[in-house]
PDB file of N, CA and C in Angstrom:
ATOM      1  N   MET A   1      32.140   0.227 -28.787  1.00  0.00           N
ATOM      2  CA  MET A   1      31.075   1.080 -29.258  1.00  0.00           C
ATOM      3  C   MET A   1      29.718   0.356 -29.194  1.00  0.00           C
ATOM      4  N   PHE A   2      29.728  -0.915 -29.550  1.00  0.00           N
ATOM      5  CA  PHE A   2      28.502  -1.699 -29.518  1.00  0.00           C
ATOM      6  C   PHE A   2      27.952  -1.801 -28.099  1.00  0.00           C
ATOM      7  N   ILE A   3      28.845  -1.946 -27.125  1.00  0.00           N
ATOM      8  CA  ILE A   3      28.413  -2.101 -25.732  1.00  0.00           C
ATOM      9  C   ILE A   3      27.716  -0.838 -25.227  1.00  0.00           C
ATOM     10  N   PHE A   4      28.173   0.357 -25.676  1.00  0.00           N
ATOM     11  CA  PHE A   4      27.539   1.608 -25.254  1.00  0.00           C
ATOM     12  C   PHE A   4      26.135   1.742 -25.846  1.00  0.00           C
ATOM     13  N   LYS A   5      25.955   1.314 -27.081  1.00  0.00           N
ATOM     14  CA  LYS A   5      24.630   1.353 -27.695  1.00  0.00           C
ATOM     15  C   LYS A   5      23.680   0.399 -26.974  1.00  0.00           C
ATOM     16  N   LEU A   6      24.195  -0.763 -26.620  1.00  0.00           N
ATOM     17  CA  LEU A   6      23.384  -1.744 -25.907  1.00  0.00           C
ATOM     18  C   LEU A   6      22.975  -1.208 -24.530  1.00  0.00           C
ATOM     19  N   ILE A   7      23.923  -0.629 -23.820  1.00  0.00           N
ATOM     20  CA  ILE A   7      23.631  -0.059 -22.497  1.00  0.00           C
ATOM     21  C   ILE A   7      22.625   1.077 -22.625  1.00  0.00           C
ATOM     22  N   ARG A   8      22.780   1.925 -23.616  1.00  0.00           N
ATOM     23  CA  ARG A   8      21.850   3.032 -23.829  1.00  0.00           C
ATOM     24  C   ARG A   8      20.444   2.514 -24.139  1.00  0.00           C
ATOM     25  N   ARG A   9      20.354   1.460 -24.933  1.00  0.00           N
ATOM     26  CA  ARG A   9      19.047   0.884 -25.254  1.00  0.00           C
ATOM     27  C   ARG A   9      18.407   0.239 -24.031  1.00  0.00           C
ATOM     28  N   VAL A  10      19.201  -0.443 -23.222  1.00  0.00           N
ATOM     29  CA  VAL A  10      18.661  -1.064 -22.009  1.00  0.00           C
ATOM     30  C   VAL A  10      18.154   0.003 -21.047  1.00  0.00           C
ATOM     31  N   ILE A  11      18.939   1.055 -20.863  1.00  0.00           N
ATOM     32  CA  ILE A  11      18.518   2.154 -19.976  1.00  0.00           C
ATOM     33  C   ILE A  11      17.263   2.819 -20.524  1.00  0.00           C
ATOM     34  N   SER A  12      17.204   3.033 -21.816  1.00  0.00           N
ATOM     35  CA  SER A  12      16.014   3.635 -22.429  1.00  0.00           C
ATOM     36  C   SER A  12      14.794   2.750 -22.228  1.00  0.00           C
ATOM     37  N   PHE A  13      14.960   1.446 -22.385  1.00  0.00           N
ATOM     38  CA  PHE A  13      13.859   0.514 -22.197  1.00  0.00           C
ATOM     39  C   PHE A  13      13.370   0.520 -20.751  1.00  0.00           C
ATOM     40  N   VAL A  14      14.297   0.520 -19.817  1.00  0.00           N
ATOM     41  CA  VAL A  14      13.920   0.540 -18.389  1.00  0.00           C
ATOM     42  C   VAL A  14      13.192   1.837 -18.058  1.00  0.00           C
ATOM     43  N   LEU A  15      13.691   2.964 -18.533  1.00  0.00           N
ATOM     44  CA  LEU A  15      13.024   4.244 -18.287  1.00  0.00           C
ATOM     45  C   LEU A  15      11.633   4.261 -18.917  1.00  0.00           C
ATOM     46  N   LEU A  16      11.532   3.693 -20.095  1.00  0.00           N
ATOM     47  CA  LEU A  16      10.235   3.622 -20.749  1.00  0.00           C
ATOM     48  C   LEU A  16       9.246   2.815 -19.897  1.00  0.00           C
ATOM     49  N   LEU A  17       9.705   1.686 -19.371  1.00  0.00           N
ATOM     50  CA  LEU A  17       8.844   0.875 -18.508  1.00  0.00           C
ATOM     51  C   LEU A  17       8.463   1.623 -17.232  1.00  0.00           C
ATOM     52  N   VAL A  18       9.432   2.323 -16.643  1.00  0.00           N
ATOM     53  CA  VAL A  18       9.186   3.055 -15.398  1.00  0.00           C
ATOM     54  C   VAL A  18       8.172   4.179 -15.626  1.00  0.00           C
ATOM     55  N   ILE A  19       8.119   4.724 -16.816  1.00  0.00           N
ATOM     56  CA  ILE A  19       7.179   5.805 -17.106  1.00  0.00           C
ATOM     57  C   ILE A  19       5.854   5.265 -17.629  1.00  0.00           C
ATOM     58  N   VAL A  20       5.900   4.307 -18.523  1.00  0.00           N
ATOM     59  CA  VAL A  20       4.685   3.833 -19.191  1.00  0.00           C
ATOM     60  C   VAL A  20       3.781   3.027 -18.262  1.00  0.00           C
ATOM     61  N   ILE A  21       4.331   2.126 -17.486  1.00  0.00           N
ATOM     62  CA  ILE A  21       3.495   1.273 -16.632  1.00  0.00           C
ATOM     63  C   ILE A  21       2.704   2.095 -15.605  1.00  0.00           C
ATOM     64  N   PRO A  22       3.327   3.017 -14.871  1.00  0.00           N
ATOM     65  CA  PRO A  22       2.513   3.834 -13.941  1.00  0.00           C
ATOM     66  C   PRO A  22       1.477   4.706 -14.654  1.00  0.00           C
ATOM     67  N   LEU A  23       1.830   5.246 -15.813  1.00  0.00           N
ATOM     68  CA  LEU A  23       0.858   6.045 -16.557  1.00  0.00           C
ATOM     69  C   LEU A  23      -0.316   5.187 -17.026  1.00  0.00           C
ATOM     70  N   TYR A  24      -0.029   3.993 -17.477  1.00  0.00           N
ATOM     71  CA  TYR A  24      -1.098   3.086 -17.892  1.00  0.00           C
ATOM     72  C   TYR A  24      -1.996   2.735 -16.706  1.00  0.00           C
ATOM     73  N   ALA A  25      -1.391   2.431 -15.570  1.00  0.00           N
ATOM     74  CA  ALA A  25      -2.174   2.088 -14.378  1.00  0.00           C
ATOM     75  C   ALA A  25      -3.046   3.271 -13.942  1.00  0.00           C
ATOM     76  N   ALA A  26      -2.459   4.465 -13.914  1.00  0.00           N
ATOM     77  CA  ALA A  26      -3.217   5.653 -13.513  1.00  0.00           C
ATOM     78  C   ALA A  26      -4.353   5.929 -14.495  1.00  0.00           C
ATOM     79  N   GLY A  27      -4.080   5.792 -15.771  1.00  0.00           N
ATOM     80  CA  GLY A  27      -5.121   6.013 -16.776  1.00  0.00           C
ATOM     81  C   GLY A  27      -6.231   4.991 -16.676  1.00  0.00           C
ATOM     82  N   SER A  28      -5.877   3.764 -16.412  1.00  0.00           N
ATOM     83  CA  SER A  28      -6.874   2.704 -16.281  1.00  0.00           C
ATOM     84  C   SER A  28      -7.759   2.942 -15.056  1.00  0.00           C
ATOM     85  N   ILE A  29      -7.167   3.343 -13.951  1.00  0.00           N
ATOM     86  CA  ILE A  29      -7.928   3.638 -12.734  1.00  0.00           C
ATOM     87  C   ILE A  29      -8.853   4.830 -12.966  1.00  0.00           C
ATOM     88  N   TRP A  30      -8.336   5.874 -13.610  1.00  0.00           N
ATOM     89  CA  TRP A  30      -9.142   7.071 -13.878  1.00  0.00           C
ATOM     90  C   TRP A  30     -10.322   6.719 -14.774  1.00  0.00           C
ATOM     91  N   TYR A  31     -10.079   5.945 -15.829  1.00  0.00           N
ATOM     92  CA  TYR A  31     -11.142   5.569 -16.753  1.00  0.00           C
ATOM     93  C   TYR A  31     -12.223   4.752 -16.047  1.00  0.00           C
ATOM     94  N   THR A  32     -11.806   3.795 -15.240  1.00  0.00           N
ATOM     95  CA  THR A  32     -12.761   2.960 -14.525  1.00  0.00           C
ATOM     96  C   THR A  32     -13.578   3.780 -13.528  1.00  0.00           C
ATOM     97  N   ALA A  33     -12.925   4.711 -12.855  1.00  0.00           N
ATOM     98  CA  ALA A  33     -13.624   5.553 -11.877  1.00  0.00           C
ATOM     99  C   ALA A  33     -14.660   6.454 -12.547  1.00  0.00           C
ATOM    100  N   LYS A  34     -14.358   6.944 -13.723  1.00  0.00           N
ATOM    101  CA  LYS A  34     -15.266   7.856 -14.419  1.00  0.00           C
ATOM    102  C   LYS A  34     -16.355   7.140 -15.202  1.00  0.00           C
ATOM    103  N   ASN A  35     -16.174   5.863 -15.497  1.00  0.00           N
ATOM    104  CA  ASN A  35     -17.125   5.140 -16.332  1.00  0.00           C
ATOM    105  C   ASN A  35     -17.672   3.897 -15.651  1.00  0.00           C
ATOM    106  N   SER A  36     -17.951   3.998 -14.369  1.00  0.00           N
ATOM    107  CA  SER A  36     -18.484   2.838 -13.653  1.00  0.00           C
ATOM    108  C   SER A  36     -20.002   2.772 -13.837  1.00  0.00           C
ATOM    109  N   THR A  37     -20.507   1.566 -13.894  1.00  0.00           N
ATOM    110  CA  THR A  37     -21.945   1.361 -13.993  1.00  0.00           C
ATOM    111  C   THR A  37     -22.358   0.334 -12.948  1.00  0.00           C
ATOM    112  N   ALA A  38     -23.540   0.517 -12.424  1.00  0.00           N
ATOM    113  CA  ALA A  38     -24.060  -0.436 -11.442  1.00  0.00           C
ATOM    114  C   ALA A  38     -24.640  -1.642 -12.180  1.00  0.00           C
ATOM    115  N   GLU A  39     -24.427  -2.818 -11.608  1.00  0.00           N
ATOM    116  CA  GLU A  39     -24.958  -4.052 -12.184  1.00  0.00           C
ATOM    117  C   GLU A  39     -25.709  -4.813 -11.100  1.00  0.00           C
ATOM    118  N   LYS A  40     -26.617  -5.674 -11.513  1.00  0.00           N
ATOM    119  CA  LYS A  40     -27.345  -6.506 -10.558  1.00  0.00           C
ATOM    120  C   LYS A  40     -26.369  -7.330  -9.730  1.00  0.00           C
ATOM    121  N   SER A  41     -26.671  -7.453  -8.442  1.00  0.00           N
ATOM    122  CA  SER A  41     -25.789  -8.168  -7.538  1.00  0.00           C
ATOM    123  C   SER A  41     -26.616  -8.822  -6.436  1.00  0.00           C
ATOM    124  N   ASP A  42     -25.973  -9.681  -5.670  1.00  0.00           N
ATOM    125  CA  ASP A  42     -26.652 -10.325  -4.547  1.00  0.00           C
ATOM    126  C   ASP A  42     -26.694  -9.430  -3.315  1.00  0.00           C
ATOM    127  N   VAL A  43     -25.699  -8.551  -3.197  1.00  0.00           N
ATOM    128  CA  VAL A  43     -25.595  -7.729  -2.000  1.00  0.00           C
ATOM    129  C   VAL A  43     -24.797  -6.463  -2.318  1.00  0.00           C
ATOM    130  N   ILE A  44     -25.075  -5.412  -1.559  1.00  0.00           N
ATOM    131  CA  ILE A  44     -24.280  -4.183  -1.612  1.00  0.00           C
ATOM    132  C   ILE A  44     -23.447  -4.162  -0.347  1.00  0.00           C
ATOM    133  N   LEU A  45     -22.148  -4.028  -0.481  1.00  0.00           N
ATOM    134  CA  LEU A  45     -21.249  -4.007   0.669  1.00  0.00           C
ATOM    135  C   LEU A  45     -20.740  -2.588   0.878  1.00  0.00           C
ATOM    136  N   VAL A  46     -21.004  -2.048   2.059  1.00  0.00           N
ATOM    137  CA  VAL A  46     -20.538  -0.704   2.401  1.00  0.00           C
ATOM    138  C   VAL A  46     -19.369  -0.849   3.360  1.00  0.00           C
ATOM    139  N   MET A  47     -18.199  -0.426   2.907  1.00  0.00           N
ATOM    140  CA  MET A  47     -17.001  -0.486   3.737  1.00  0.00           C
ATOM    141  C   MET A  47     -17.061   0.628   4.780  1.00  0.00           C
ATOM    142  N   GLY A  48     -16.568   0.346   5.960  1.00  0.00           N
ATOM    143  CA  GLY A  48     -16.615   1.304   7.048  1.00  0.00           C
ATOM    144  C   GLY A  48     -15.664   2.474   6.854  1.00  0.00           C
ATOM    145  N   ALA A  49     -15.972   3.537   7.520  1.00  0.00           N
ATOM    146  CA  ALA A  49     -15.107   4.721   7.627  1.00  0.00           C
ATOM    147  C   ALA A  49     -15.373   5.267   9.030  1.00  0.00           C
ATOM    148  N   ALA A  50     -14.832   6.386   9.353  1.00  0.00           N
ATOM    149  CA  ALA A  50     -14.957   6.900  10.717  1.00  0.00           C
ATOM    150  C   ALA A  50     -16.412   7.154  11.094  1.00  0.00           C
ATOM    151  N   GLN A  51     -16.684   6.948  12.367  1.00  0.00           N
ATOM    152  CA  GLN A  51     -17.989   7.298  12.941  1.00  0.00           C
ATOM    153  C   GLN A  51     -17.712   8.000  14.261  1.00  0.00           C
ATOM    154  N   PHE A  52     -18.584   8.918  14.592  1.00  0.00           N
ATOM    155  CA  PHE A  52     -18.394   9.709  15.802  1.00  0.00           C
ATOM    156  C   PHE A  52     -19.574   9.487  16.732  1.00  0.00           C
ATOM    157  N   ASP A  53     -19.379   8.619  17.716  1.00  0.00           N
ATOM    158  CA  ASP A  53     -20.398   8.309  18.714  1.00  0.00           C
ATOM    159  C   ASP A  53     -21.725   7.916  18.068  1.00  0.00           C
ATOM    160  N   GLY A  54     -21.634   7.045  17.070  1.00  0.00           N
ATOM    161  CA  GLY A  54     -22.831   6.553  16.406  1.00  0.00           C
ATOM    162  C   GLY A  54     -23.267   7.338  15.196  1.00  0.00           C
ATOM    163  N   ARG A  55     -22.629   8.486  14.942  1.00  0.00           N
ATOM    164  CA  ARG A  55     -22.949   9.287  13.755  1.00  0.00           C
ATOM    165  C   ARG A  55     -21.893   9.035  12.681  1.00  0.00           C
ATOM    166  N   PRO A  56     -22.300   8.654  11.474  1.00  0.00           N
ATOM    167  CA  PRO A  56     -21.321   8.409  10.406  1.00  0.00           C
ATOM    168  C   PRO A  56     -20.591   9.690  10.015  1.00  0.00           C
ATOM    169  N   SER A  57     -19.319   9.546   9.676  1.00  0.00           N
ATOM    170  CA  SER A  57     -18.559  10.691   9.171  1.00  0.00           C
ATOM    171  C   SER A  57     -19.086  11.058   7.787  1.00  0.00           C
ATOM    172  N   ASP A  58     -18.614  12.168   7.238  1.00  0.00           N
ATOM    173  CA  ASP A  58     -19.081  12.600   5.920  1.00  0.00           C
ATOM    174  C   ASP A  58     -18.782  11.549   4.851  1.00  0.00           C
ATOM    175  N   ILE A  59     -17.618  10.927   4.928  1.00  0.00           N
ATOM    176  CA  ILE A  59     -17.242   9.907   3.944  1.00  0.00           C
ATOM    177  C   ILE A  59     -18.155   8.697   4.067  1.00  0.00           C
ATOM    178  N   LEU A  60     -18.375   8.236   5.282  1.00  0.00           N
ATOM    179  CA  LEU A  60     -19.243   7.080   5.491  1.00  0.00           C
ATOM    180  C   LEU A  60     -20.681   7.406   5.087  1.00  0.00           C
ATOM    181  N   LYS A  61     -21.129   8.594   5.405  1.00  0.00           N
ATOM    182  CA  LYS A  61     -22.483   8.996   5.038  1.00  0.00           C
ATOM    183  C   LYS A  61     -22.648   9.017   3.519  1.00  0.00           C
ATOM    184  N   SER A  62     -21.644   9.484   2.817  1.00  0.00           N
ATOM    185  CA  SER A  62     -21.683   9.494   1.358  1.00  0.00           C
ATOM    186  C   SER A  62     -21.766   8.078   0.798  1.00  0.00           C
ATOM    187  N   ARG A  63     -20.987   7.172   1.381  1.00  0.00           N
ATOM    188  CA  ARG A  63     -21.045   5.766   0.957  1.00  0.00           C
ATOM    189  C   ARG A  63     -22.428   5.175   1.210  1.00  0.00           C
ATOM    190  N   LEU A  64     -22.995   5.494   2.361  1.00  0.00           N
ATOM    191  CA  LEU A  64     -24.310   4.957   2.716  1.00  0.00           C
ATOM    192  C   LEU A  64     -25.404   5.516   1.801  1.00  0.00           C
ATOM    193  N   GLU A  65     -25.331   6.810   1.487  1.00  0.00           N
ATOM    194  CA  GLU A  65     -26.311   7.407   0.583  1.00  0.00           C
ATOM    195  C   GLU A  65     -26.240   6.754  -0.797  1.00  0.00           C
ATOM    196  N   HIS A  66     -25.034   6.525  -1.292  1.00  0.00           N
ATOM    197  CA  HIS A  66     -24.865   5.894  -2.595  1.00  0.00           C
ATOM    198  C   HIS A  66     -25.394   4.453  -2.563  1.00  0.00           C
ATOM    199  N   ALA A  67     -25.089   3.732  -1.505  1.00  0.00           N
ATOM    200  CA  ALA A  67     -25.579   2.357  -1.373  1.00  0.00           C
ATOM    201  C   ALA A  67     -27.105   2.338  -1.316  1.00  0.00           C
ATOM    202  N   LEU A  68     -27.699   3.287  -0.618  1.00  0.00           N
ATOM    203  CA  LEU A  68     -29.149   3.364  -0.526  1.00  0.00           C
ATOM    204  C   LEU A  68     -29.776   3.678  -1.883  1.00  0.00           C
ATOM    205  N   ASP A  69     -29.139   4.552  -2.652  1.00  0.00           N
ATOM    206  CA  ASP A  69     -29.625   4.846  -4.005  1.00  0.00           C
ATOM    207  C   ASP A  69     -29.597   3.599  -4.882  1.00  0.00           C
ATOM    208  N   ILE A  70     -28.508   2.857  -4.797  1.00  0.00           N
ATOM    209  CA  ILE A  70     -28.387   1.625  -5.588  1.00  0.00           C
ATOM    210  C   ILE A  70     -29.427   0.609  -5.133  1.00  0.00           C
ATOM    211  N   TYR A  71     -29.644   0.514  -3.836  1.00  0.00           N
ATOM    212  CA  TYR A  71     -30.644  -0.407  -3.282  1.00  0.00           C
ATOM    213  C   TYR A  71     -32.045  -0.048  -3.771  1.00  0.00           C
ATOM    214  N   LYS A  72     -32.375   1.250  -3.705  1.00  0.00           N
ATOM    215  CA  LYS A  72     -33.707   1.696  -4.131  1.00  0.00           C
ATOM    216  C   LYS A  72     -33.913   1.502  -5.629  1.00  0.00           C
ATOM    217  N   ALA A  73     -32.836   1.529  -6.394  1.00  0.00           N
ATOM    218  CA  ALA A  73     -32.932   1.306  -7.835  1.00  0.00           C
ATOM    219  C   ALA A  73     -33.140  -0.166  -8.164  1.00  0.00           C
ATOM    220  N   GLY A  74     -33.025  -1.040  -7.164  1.00  0.00           N
ATOM    221  CA  GLY A  74     -33.300  -2.454  -7.356  1.00  0.00           C
ATOM    222  C   GLY A  74     -32.137  -3.281  -7.857  1.00  0.00           C
ATOM    223  N   TYR A  75     -30.939  -2.810  -7.652  1.00  0.00           N
ATOM    224  CA  TYR A  75     -29.766  -3.562  -8.120  1.00  0.00           C
ATOM    225  C   TYR A  75     -29.375  -4.697  -7.176  1.00  0.00           C
ATOM    226  N   ALA A  76     -29.778  -4.620  -5.924  1.00  0.00           N
ATOM    227  CA  ALA A  76     -29.451  -5.677  -4.957  1.00  0.00           C
ATOM    228  C   ALA A  76     -30.523  -5.698  -3.864  1.00  0.00           C
ATOM    229  N   PRO A  77     -30.814  -6.890  -3.328  1.00  0.00           N
ATOM    230  CA  PRO A  77     -31.865  -6.977  -2.309  1.00  0.00           C
ATOM    231  C   PRO A  77     -31.392  -6.688  -0.882  1.00  0.00           C
ATOM    232  N   LYS A  78     -30.079  -6.639  -0.645  1.00  0.00           N
ATOM    233  CA  LYS A  78     -29.561  -6.463   0.717  1.00  0.00           C
ATOM    234  C   LYS A  78     -28.402  -5.476   0.730  1.00  0.00           C
ATOM    235  N   ILE A  79     -28.217  -4.826   1.868  1.00  0.00           N
ATOM    236  CA  ILE A  79     -27.050  -3.976   2.101  1.00  0.00           C
ATOM    237  C   ILE A  79     -26.340  -4.509   3.337  1.00  0.00           C
ATOM    238  N   TYR A  80     -25.067  -4.822   3.191  1.00  0.00           N
ATOM    239  CA  TYR A  80     -24.240  -5.231   4.328  1.00  0.00           C
ATOM    240  C   TYR A  80     -23.309  -4.078   4.678  1.00  0.00           C
ATOM    241  N   THR A  81     -23.164  -3.822   5.975  1.00  0.00           N
ATOM    242  CA  THR A  81     -22.222  -2.804   6.433  1.00  0.00           C
ATOM    243  C   THR A  81     -21.130  -3.490   7.241  1.00  0.00           C
ATOM    244  N   VAL A  82     -19.915  -3.072   7.017  1.00  0.00           N
ATOM    245  CA  VAL A  82     -18.789  -3.624   7.762  1.00  0.00           C
ATOM    246  C   VAL A  82     -17.960  -2.480   8.324  1.00  0.00           C
ATOM    247  N   GLY A  83     -17.244  -2.768   9.369  1.00  0.00           N
ATOM    248  CA  GLY A  83     -16.368  -1.779   9.980  1.00  0.00           C
ATOM    249  C   GLY A  83     -16.231  -2.060  11.458  1.00  0.00           C
ATOM    250  N   THR A  84     -15.151  -1.645  12.004  1.00  0.00           N
ATOM    251  CA  THR A  84     -14.859  -1.897  13.411  1.00  0.00           C
ATOM    252  C   THR A  84     -14.866  -0.580  14.172  1.00  0.00           C
ATOM    253  N   GLY A  85     -14.588  -0.667  15.430  1.00  0.00           N
ATOM    254  CA  GLY A  85     -14.503   0.523  16.259  1.00  0.00           C
ATOM    255  C   GLY A  85     -13.103   0.680  16.823  1.00  0.00           C
ATOM    256  N   ALA A  86     -12.726   1.894  17.081  1.00  0.00           N
ATOM    257  CA  ALA A  86     -11.434   2.168  17.699  1.00  0.00           C
ATOM    258  C   ALA A  86     -11.547   1.901  19.198  1.00  0.00           C
ATOM    259  N   PRO A  87     -10.434   1.686  19.866  1.00  0.00           N
ATOM    260  CA  PRO A  87     -10.495   1.477  21.313  1.00  0.00           C
ATOM    261  C   PRO A  87     -11.175   2.668  22.010  1.00  0.00           C
ATOM    262  N   GLY A  88     -12.140   2.358  22.837  1.00  0.00           N
ATOM    263  CA  GLY A  88     -12.869   3.404  23.552  1.00  0.00           C
ATOM    264  C   GLY A  88     -14.175   3.809  22.887  1.00  0.00           C
ATOM    265  N   ASP A  89     -14.403   3.381  21.652  1.00  0.00           N
ATOM    266  CA  ASP A  89     -15.663   3.701  20.981  1.00  0.00           C
ATOM    267  C   ASP A  89     -16.805   2.917  21.611  1.00  0.00           C
ATOM    268  N   ARG A  90     -17.973   3.537  21.665  1.00  0.00           N
ATOM    269  CA  ARG A  90     -19.143   2.854  22.200  1.00  0.00           C
ATOM    270  C   ARG A  90     -19.869   2.043  21.131  1.00  0.00           C
ATOM    271  N   THR A  91     -19.582   2.303  19.875  1.00  0.00           N
ATOM    272  CA  THR A  91     -20.228   1.589  18.774  1.00  0.00           C
ATOM    273  C   THR A  91     -19.228   1.374  17.647  1.00  0.00           C
ATOM    274  N   THR A  92     -19.590   0.547  16.701  1.00  0.00           N
ATOM    275  CA  THR A  92     -18.703   0.274  15.566  1.00  0.00           C
ATOM    276  C   THR A  92     -19.204   1.020  14.336  1.00  0.00           C
ATOM    277  N   GLU A  93     -18.340   1.053  13.315  1.00  0.00           N
ATOM    278  CA  GLU A  93     -18.728   1.683  12.054  1.00  0.00           C
ATOM    279  C   GLU A  93     -19.907   0.930  11.438  1.00  0.00           C
ATOM    280  N   ALA A  94     -19.897  -0.392  11.546  1.00  0.00           N
ATOM    281  CA  ALA A  94     -20.980  -1.198  10.986  1.00  0.00           C
ATOM    282  C   ALA A  94     -22.305  -0.892  11.682  1.00  0.00           C
ATOM    283  N   ALA A  95     -22.286  -0.789  13.011  1.00  0.00           N
ATOM    284  CA  ALA A  95     -23.514  -0.500  13.762  1.00  0.00           C
ATOM    285  C   ALA A  95     -24.018   0.912  13.467  1.00  0.00           C
ATOM    286  N   ALA A  96     -23.114   1.868  13.375  1.00  0.00           N
ATOM    287  CA  ALA A  96     -23.521   3.240  13.049  1.00  0.00           C
ATOM    288  C   ALA A  96     -24.111   3.301  11.644  1.00  0.00           C
ATOM    289  N   SER A  97     -23.531   2.539  10.726  1.00  0.00           N
ATOM    290  CA  SER A  97     -24.039   2.512   9.344  1.00  0.00           C
ATOM    291  C   SER A  97     -25.429   1.882   9.311  1.00  0.00           C
ATOM    292  N   LYS A  98     -25.606   0.797  10.023  1.00  0.00           N
ATOM    293  CA  LYS A  98     -26.907   0.115  10.053  1.00  0.00           C
ATOM    294  C   LYS A  98     -27.964   1.034  10.644  1.00  0.00           C
ATOM    295  N   ALA A  99     -27.617   1.716  11.716  1.00  0.00           N
ATOM    296  CA  ALA A  99     -28.580   2.620  12.347  1.00  0.00           C
ATOM    297  C   ALA A  99     -28.942   3.762  11.405  1.00  0.00           C
ATOM    298  N   TRP A 100     -27.983   4.275  10.642  1.00  0.00           N
ATOM    299  CA  TRP A 100     -28.269   5.359   9.705  1.00  0.00           C
ATOM    300  C   TRP A 100     -29.170   4.863   8.587  1.00  0.00           C
ATOM    301  N   LEU A 101     -28.948   3.648   8.101  1.00  0.00           N
ATOM    302  CA  LEU A 101     -29.763   3.104   7.007  1.00  0.00           C
ATOM    303  C   LEU A 101     -31.198   2.854   7.437  1.00  0.00           C
ATOM    304  N   ILE A 102     -31.382   2.443   8.682  1.00  0.00           N
ATOM    305  CA  ILE A 102     -32.733   2.146   9.179  1.00  0.00           C
ATOM    306  C   ILE A 102     -33.447   3.443   9.469  1.00  0.00           C
TER     307      ILE A 102
END
């Protein structure tokens, strides 16, 4: 009888961990996403996303607009753009981002 109670408690504990840890992680990510604040920094880094023949995609354009807003607010003196190009592309995500910012 004791062994069944022990097994039931172990299974309950494992299930609790399987449910609680992902919920905690999801809640922490949601909270951080909703309550982010800009802080002074040395540089703003814009990660690449798709570009179409030198034109940033909607996602990349949104990132660039946000980076430009932060730059104009005086939080950082420089904006760095990074990103590569797919085979056959004439330009890279970084170059398209730089051209859009200028």
